[in-house]
Amino acid sequence: MADAVASQTLFDGERTAVMKFTNLSDGTGESKVLKVDVSTLNSSNSGKVCDGVTITKVYGATHGLEVQIYWDATTDVLCWAVPQNSNYCMDFTNVGGLTNNAGAGVTGDVLFSTAD
C-alpha cells in the first residue's frame, strides 16, 4: 500500500493562499514531492503572475515521521522541518515569514519530504 496523500487549496486570493496537506503513511514516505506549484496560484489584480511564496504559518500533527519543507531550486534548500511526534504550530509573521533563499535555479515552488 502506498502513502495516502492529499493537497488542498483552501483559499487562493490576490496575495494570500492557504493550503492543507495530508499524508497517511505506510512507512514509504515522500521525497521532495511538489506541494506548492506557484504557477497554479492566482495572479494579482494587476495581472502579475505568482513567482514565489512566503511561508507565514505552519501547523502540523506528525506521528512517527518528520516533515521537511524545501524551496525548489537546482540544489533544493531546506526551509523548515516539522518534528516527529508533535502537534505543531509555528507563526513567522513577526519576522516577515520564511522567504525563499535558494540560489541558482529557483522556481518559487515548495517541496515536502518525510523522514523517520
C-alpha atoms as a PDB file:
ATOM      1  CA  MET A   1       0.000   0.000   0.000  1.00  0.00           C
ATOM      2  CA  ALA A   2       1.336   3.453  -0.861  1.00  0.00           C
ATOM      3  CA  ASP A   3       1.063   6.606   1.208  1.00  0.00           C
ATOM      4  CA  ALA A   4      -2.393   8.206   1.002  1.00  0.00           C
ATOM      5  CA  VAL A   5      -1.695  11.874   0.278  1.00  0.00           C
ATOM      6  CA  ALA A   6      -3.847  14.896  -0.488  1.00  0.00           C
ATOM      7  CA  SER A   7      -3.208  18.562  -1.200  1.00  0.00           C
ATOM      8  CA  GLN A   8      -5.960  21.170  -0.915  1.00  0.00           C
ATOM      9  CA  THR A   9      -6.001  24.876  -1.644  1.00  0.00           C
ATOM     10  CA  LEU A  10      -8.414  26.263   0.939  1.00  0.00           C
ATOM     11  CA  PHE A  11      -8.062  29.877  -0.207  1.00  0.00           C
ATOM     12  CA  ASP A  12      -6.213  31.481  -3.131  1.00  0.00           C
ATOM     13  CA  GLY A  13      -6.516  35.260  -3.144  1.00  0.00           C
ATOM     14  CA  GLU A  14      -4.522  38.075  -4.676  1.00  0.00           C
ATOM     15  CA  ARG A  15      -1.695  37.958  -2.120  1.00  0.00           C
ATOM     16  CA  THR A  16      -2.601  35.087   0.187  1.00  0.00           C
ATOM     17  CA  ALA A  17      -3.017  31.351  -0.248  1.00  0.00           C
ATOM     18  CA  VAL A  18      -3.955  28.875   2.462  1.00  0.00           C
ATOM     19  CA  MET A  19      -3.105  25.254   1.748  1.00  0.00           C
ATOM     20  CA  LYS A  20      -3.628  21.933   3.539  1.00  0.00           C
ATOM     21  CA  PHE A  21      -1.564  18.789   3.058  1.00  0.00           C
ATOM     22  CA  THR A  22      -2.182  15.317   4.474  1.00  0.00           C
ATOM     23  CA  ASN A  23      -0.143  12.131   4.342  1.00  0.00           C
ATOM     24  CA  LEU A  24      -1.313   8.890   5.900  1.00  0.00           C
ATOM     25  CA  SER A  25       1.903   6.971   5.522  1.00  0.00           C
ATOM     26  CA  ASP A  26       2.511   3.261   5.248  1.00  0.00           C
ATOM     27  CA  GLY A  27       6.166   3.976   6.012  1.00  0.00           C
ATOM     28  CA  THR A  28       7.352   4.550   2.447  1.00  0.00           C
ATOM     29  CA  GLY A  29       7.143   8.336   2.833  1.00  0.00           C
ATOM     30  CA  GLU A  30       7.721  11.066   0.290  1.00  0.00           C
ATOM     31  CA  SER A  31      10.919  12.519  -1.135  1.00  0.00           C
ATOM     32  CA  LYS A  32      10.889  16.148  -2.310  1.00  0.00           C
ATOM     33  CA  VAL A  33       7.374  15.966  -3.739  1.00  0.00           C
ATOM     34  CA  LEU A  34       5.939  19.144  -5.288  1.00  0.00           C
ATOM     35  CA  LYS A  35       3.323  20.555  -2.897  1.00  0.00           C
ATOM     36  CA  VAL A  36       3.086  24.241  -3.843  1.00  0.00           C
ATOM     37  CA  ASP A  37       3.251  24.949  -7.583  1.00  0.00           C
ATOM     38  CA  VAL A  38       3.321  28.743  -7.836  1.00  0.00           C
ATOM     39  CA  SER A  39       2.287  28.636 -11.500  1.00  0.00           C
ATOM     40  CA  THR A  40      -1.135  27.354 -10.398  1.00  0.00           C
ATOM     41  CA  LEU A  41      -1.766  30.152  -7.872  1.00  0.00           C
ATOM     42  CA  ASN A  42      -3.915  33.143  -8.807  1.00  0.00           C
ATOM     43  CA  SER A  43      -2.366  36.226 -10.382  1.00  0.00           C
ATOM     44  CA  SER A  44      -2.691  39.625  -8.717  1.00  0.00           C
ATOM     45  CA  ASN A  45      -5.475  42.003  -9.728  1.00  0.00           C
ATOM     46  CA  SER A  46      -2.919  43.842 -11.861  1.00  0.00           C
ATOM     47  CA  GLY A  47      -2.146  40.610 -13.739  1.00  0.00           C
ATOM     48  CA  LYS A  48       1.250  39.834 -12.155  1.00  0.00           C
ATOM     49  CA  VAL A  49       1.725  36.067 -12.007  1.00  0.00           C
ATOM     50  CA  CYS A  50       2.832  34.408  -8.791  1.00  0.00           C
ATOM     51  CA  ASP A  51       6.537  33.570  -8.916  1.00  0.00           C
ATOM     52  CA  GLY A  52       7.149  32.648  -5.280  1.00  0.00           C
ATOM     53  CA  VAL A  53       5.673  32.348  -1.816  1.00  0.00           C
ATOM     54  CA  THR A  54       6.473  33.369   1.734  1.00  0.00           C
ATOM     55  CA  ILE A  55       5.500  30.883   4.435  1.00  0.00           C
ATOM     56  CA  THR A  56       3.893  32.730   7.338  1.00  0.00           C
ATOM     57  CA  LYS A  57       2.471  29.871   9.424  1.00  0.00           C
ATOM     58  CA  VAL A  58       2.978  26.131   9.686  1.00  0.00           C
ATOM     59  CA  TYR A  59       0.553  23.888  11.556  1.00  0.00           C
ATOM     60  CA  GLY A  60       1.251  20.185  11.750  1.00  0.00           C
ATOM     61  CA  ALA A  61       0.495  16.939  13.519  1.00  0.00           C
ATOM     62  CA  THR A  62       3.052  14.195  12.988  1.00  0.00           C
ATOM     63  CA  HIS A  63       3.325  10.644  14.253  1.00  0.00           C
ATOM     64  CA  GLY A  64       6.413   8.592  13.518  1.00  0.00           C
ATOM     65  CA  LEU A  65       7.849  10.923  10.893  1.00  0.00           C
ATOM     66  CA  GLU A  66       9.296  14.372  10.348  1.00  0.00           C
ATOM     67  CA  VAL A  67       8.096  16.626   7.529  1.00  0.00           C
ATOM     68  CA  GLN A  68      10.825  18.588   5.761  1.00  0.00           C
ATOM     69  CA  ILE A  69       9.851  21.642   3.702  1.00  0.00           C
ATOM     70  CA  TYR A  70      12.179  22.612   0.839  1.00  0.00           C
ATOM     71  CA  TRP A  71      12.497  25.541  -1.551  1.00  0.00           C
ATOM     72  CA  ASP A  72      12.779  24.100  -5.070  1.00  0.00           C
ATOM     73  CA  ALA A  73      15.959  25.075  -6.947  1.00  0.00           C
ATOM     74  CA  THR A  74      18.848  23.484  -8.822  1.00  0.00           C
ATOM     75  CA  THR A  75      20.040  22.434  -5.366  1.00  0.00           C
ATOM     76  CA  ASP A  76      16.956  22.348  -3.129  1.00  0.00           C
ATOM     77  CA  VAL A  77      17.251  24.260   0.160  1.00  0.00           C
ATOM     78  CA  LEU A  78      15.720  23.078   3.433  1.00  0.00           C
ATOM     79  CA  CYS A  79      13.285  25.756   4.577  1.00  0.00           C
ATOM     80  CA  TRP A  80      11.836  24.226   7.751  1.00  0.00           C
ATOM     81  CA  ALA A  81      11.151  20.891   9.425  1.00  0.00           C
ATOM     82  CA  VAL A  82       8.139  19.816  11.463  1.00  0.00           C
ATOM     83  CA  PRO A  83       9.465  17.419  14.135  1.00  0.00           C
ATOM     84  CA  GLN A  84       8.367  13.827  14.659  1.00  0.00           C
ATOM     85  CA  ASN A  85       5.545  13.002  17.031  1.00  0.00           C
ATOM     86  CA  SER A  86       4.280  16.526  17.570  1.00  0.00           C
ATOM     87  CA  ASN A  87       1.264  18.766  17.433  1.00  0.00           C
ATOM     88  CA  TYR A  88       2.944  21.798  15.998  1.00  0.00           C
ATOM     89  CA  CYS A  89       2.255  25.461  15.326  1.00  0.00           C
ATOM     90  CA  MET A  90       4.846  27.985  14.200  1.00  0.00           C
ATOM     91  CA  ASP A  91       3.971  31.583  13.331  1.00  0.00           C
ATOM     92  CA  PHE A  92       6.595  33.510  11.353  1.00  0.00           C
ATOM     93  CA  THR A  93       4.547  36.665  10.730  1.00  0.00           C
ATOM     94  CA  ASN A  94       6.516  38.732  13.275  1.00  0.00           C
ATOM     95  CA  VAL A  95       9.702  38.174  11.257  1.00  0.00           C
ATOM     96  CA  GLY A  96       8.085  38.640   7.846  1.00  0.00           C
ATOM     97  CA  GLY A  97       7.662  34.948   7.113  1.00  0.00           C
ATOM     98  CA  LEU A  98      10.076  32.405   5.685  1.00  0.00           C
ATOM     99  CA  THR A  99      11.281  33.683   2.329  1.00  0.00           C
ATOM    100  CA  ASN A 100      12.956  31.677  -0.382  1.00  0.00           C
ATOM    101  CA  ASN A 101      16.729  31.917  -0.032  1.00  0.00           C
ATOM    102  CA  ALA A 102      17.587  29.200  -2.537  1.00  0.00           C
ATOM    103  CA  GLY A 103      20.299  30.038  -5.037  1.00  0.00           C
ATOM    104  CA  ALA A 104      20.534  29.110  -8.710  1.00  0.00           C
ATOM    105  CA  GLY A 105      17.520  27.691 -10.488  1.00  0.00           C
ATOM    106  CA  VAL A 106      14.899  28.952  -8.018  1.00  0.00           C
ATOM    107  CA  THR A 107      11.400  28.023  -9.209  1.00  0.00           C
ATOM    108  CA  GLY A 108       9.379  29.512  -6.341  1.00  0.00           C
ATOM    109  CA  ASP A 109       7.819  26.094  -5.713  1.00  0.00           C
ATOM    110  CA  VAL A 110       7.732  24.225  -2.390  1.00  0.00           C
ATOM    111  CA  LEU A 111       8.584  20.538  -1.906  1.00  0.00           C
ATOM    112  CA  PHE A 112       7.936  18.164   1.013  1.00  0.00           C
ATOM    113  CA  SER A 113       9.885  15.148   2.210  1.00  0.00           C
ATOM    114  CA  THR A 114       9.234  12.836   5.127  1.00  0.00           C
ATOM    115  CA  ALA A 115      11.896  11.224   7.285  1.00  0.00           C
ATOM    116  CA  ASP A 116      11.974   8.782  10.204  1.00  0.00           C
END
